[in-house]
C-alpha atoms as a PDB file:
ATOM      1  CA  MET A   1       6.744 -28.352   7.491  1.00  0.00           C
ATOM      2  CA  ALA A   2       3.932 -26.109   7.529  1.00  0.00           C
ATOM      3  CA  ALA A   3       3.106 -25.384   3.879  1.00  0.00           C
ATOM      4  CA  LEU A   4       0.922 -22.602   1.936  1.00  0.00           C
ATOM      5  CA  VAL A   5      -1.001 -22.996  -0.611  1.00  0.00           C
ATOM      6  CA  LEU A   6      -0.311 -19.787  -3.557  1.00  0.00           C
ATOM      7  CA  ARG A   7      -1.264 -19.199  -7.096  1.00  0.00           C
ATOM      8  CA  ILE A   8       1.339 -17.543  -8.452  1.00  0.00           C
ATOM      9  CA  LYS A   9       0.639 -15.041 -11.822  1.00  0.00           C
ATOM     10  CA  PHE A  10       4.112 -14.775 -14.032  1.00  0.00           C
ATOM     11  CA  PRO A  11       4.747 -11.522 -15.928  1.00  0.00           C
ATOM     12  CA  MET A  12       3.784 -11.325 -19.137  1.00  0.00           C
ATOM     13  CA  THR A  13       7.264 -12.683 -20.510  1.00  0.00           C
ATOM     14  CA  TYR A  14       7.646 -15.892 -18.593  1.00  0.00           C
ATOM     15  CA  PRO A  15       6.486 -19.304 -20.400  1.00  0.00           C
ATOM     16  CA  LEU A  16       3.562 -19.575 -17.829  1.00  0.00           C
ATOM     17  CA  ILE A  17       0.781 -17.787 -16.784  1.00  0.00           C
ATOM     18  CA  TYR A  18      -0.361 -19.195 -13.572  1.00  0.00           C
ATOM     19  CA  LYS A  19       0.357 -21.674 -11.324  1.00  0.00           C
ATOM     20  CA  THR A  20      -0.341 -23.082  -7.838  1.00  0.00           C
ATOM     21  CA  LEU A  21       2.224 -24.276  -5.800  1.00  0.00           C
ATOM     22  CA  ARG A  22       2.813 -25.597  -2.203  1.00  0.00           C
ATOM     23  CA  VAL A  23       5.078 -23.390  -0.521  1.00  0.00           C
ATOM     24  CA  ASP A  24       7.238 -24.371   2.600  1.00  0.00           C
ATOM     25  CA  ALA A  25       5.314 -21.450   5.266  1.00  0.00           C
ATOM     26  CA  ASN A  26       8.455 -21.036   6.710  1.00  0.00           C
ATOM     27  CA  PHE A  27      10.699 -19.552   3.612  1.00  0.00           C
ATOM     28  CA  ASN A  28      11.116 -15.905   3.273  1.00  0.00           C
ATOM     29  CA  THR A  29      10.081 -13.751   0.207  1.00  0.00           C
ATOM     30  CA  LYS A  30      13.255 -14.076  -1.591  1.00  0.00           C
ATOM     31  CA  GLU A  31      13.261 -17.970  -0.619  1.00  0.00           C
ATOM     32  CA  ALA A  32      10.064 -18.505  -1.858  1.00  0.00           C
ATOM     33  CA  VAL A  33      11.000 -16.708  -5.346  1.00  0.00           C
ATOM     34  CA  LYS A  34      14.039 -18.745  -5.775  1.00  0.00           C
ATOM     35  CA  PHE A  35      11.257 -22.032  -4.750  1.00  0.00           C
ATOM     36  CA  ILE A  36       8.870 -20.993  -7.188  1.00  0.00           C
ATOM     37  CA  ALA A  37      11.583 -20.599  -9.969  1.00  0.00           C
ATOM     38  CA  GLU A  38      13.232 -23.878  -9.434  1.00  0.00           C
ATOM     39  CA  THR A  39       9.818 -25.436  -9.376  1.00  0.00           C
ATOM     40  CA  VAL A  40       8.877 -23.982 -12.724  1.00  0.00           C
ATOM     41  CA  ASN A  41      12.195 -24.067 -14.316  1.00  0.00           C
ATOM     42  CA  VAL A  42      12.461 -20.488 -14.991  1.00  0.00           C
ATOM     43  CA  VAL A  43      15.624 -20.076 -12.844  1.00  0.00           C
ATOM     44  CA  SER A  44      17.616 -18.428 -16.088  1.00  0.00           C
ATOM     45  CA  LEU A  45      15.032 -15.680 -16.272  1.00  0.00           C
ATOM     46  CA  LEU A  46      15.501 -14.426 -12.856  1.00  0.00           C
ATOM     47  CA  THR A  47      16.666 -10.751 -12.624  1.00  0.00           C
ATOM     48  CA  GLY A  48      16.951 -10.171  -8.700  1.00  0.00           C
ATOM     49  CA  SER A  49      14.631  -8.024  -9.174  1.00  0.00           C
ATOM     50  CA  GLU A  50      11.435 -10.427  -8.530  1.00  0.00           C
ATOM     51  CA  GLY A  51       9.140 -10.717  -5.724  1.00  0.00           C
ATOM     52  CA  LEU A  52       5.821 -11.166  -4.727  1.00  0.00           C
ATOM     53  CA  TYR A  53       2.801  -9.463  -4.671  1.00  0.00           C
ATOM     54  CA  LEU A  54      -0.808  -9.330  -2.881  1.00  0.00           C
ATOM     55  CA  PRO A  55      -2.629  -7.635  -5.563  1.00  0.00           C
ATOM     56  CA  ASP A  56      -6.118  -7.296  -2.689  1.00  0.00           C
ATOM     57  CA  GLU A  57      -4.295  -5.448  -0.334  1.00  0.00           C
ATOM     58  CA  LYS A  58      -2.056  -3.618  -3.387  1.00  0.00           C
ATOM     59  CA  ARG A  59       1.628  -4.518  -1.326  1.00  0.00           C
ATOM     60  CA  TRP A  60       4.621  -5.964  -1.746  1.00  0.00           C
ATOM     61  CA  LEU A  61       5.932  -8.692   0.671  1.00  0.00           C
ATOM     62  CA  ASP A  62       8.916  -8.266   2.416  1.00  0.00           C
ATOM     63  CA  ASP A  63      12.230  -9.853   0.968  1.00  0.00           C
ATOM     64  CA  ASN A  64      13.518 -11.064   4.360  1.00  0.00           C
ATOM     65  CA  THR A  65       9.894 -11.852   6.460  1.00  0.00           C
ATOM     66  CA  PRO A  66       8.536 -15.165   6.528  1.00  0.00           C
ATOM     67  CA  LEU A  67       5.423 -16.385   4.661  1.00  0.00           C
ATOM     68  CA  SER A  68       3.991 -17.366   7.939  1.00  0.00           C
ATOM     69  CA  THR A  69       3.970 -13.748   9.263  1.00  0.00           C
ATOM     70  CA  TYR A  70       1.071 -12.793   6.690  1.00  0.00           C
ATOM     71  CA  GLU A  71      -2.116 -13.370   7.805  1.00  0.00           C
ATOM     72  CA  SER A  72      -3.661 -13.163   4.137  1.00  0.00           C
ATOM     73  CA  LEU A  73      -1.582 -16.422   3.211  1.00  0.00           C
ATOM     74  CA  GLN A  74      -2.848 -18.251   5.637  1.00  0.00           C
ATOM     75  CA  ASP A  75      -6.555 -17.798   4.775  1.00  0.00           C
ATOM     76  CA  VAL A  76      -6.532 -21.576   3.084  1.00  0.00           C
ATOM     77  CA  VAL A  77      -9.158 -24.081   3.564  1.00  0.00           C
ATOM     78  CA  ARG A  78      -7.539 -27.246   4.294  1.00  0.00           C
ATOM     79  CA  LEU A  79      -8.882 -30.310   3.001  1.00  0.00           C
END
């Protein structure tokens, strides 16, 4: 399994501010959001309008596109 390490910033209404997680690179955005919500136990707060946003690029990721296709998510130093 190829994985990405993502630093997630949550909305102000969530009980967390930031969390760093290892996410399967083959997940699409919708799957990644569901996985993240399950991991941090906030599934009950999901409304269906959540997504992943790249602030440096000022864009939302497409719901059905695998995370592995985004070059900017691949720029991680691997130890």
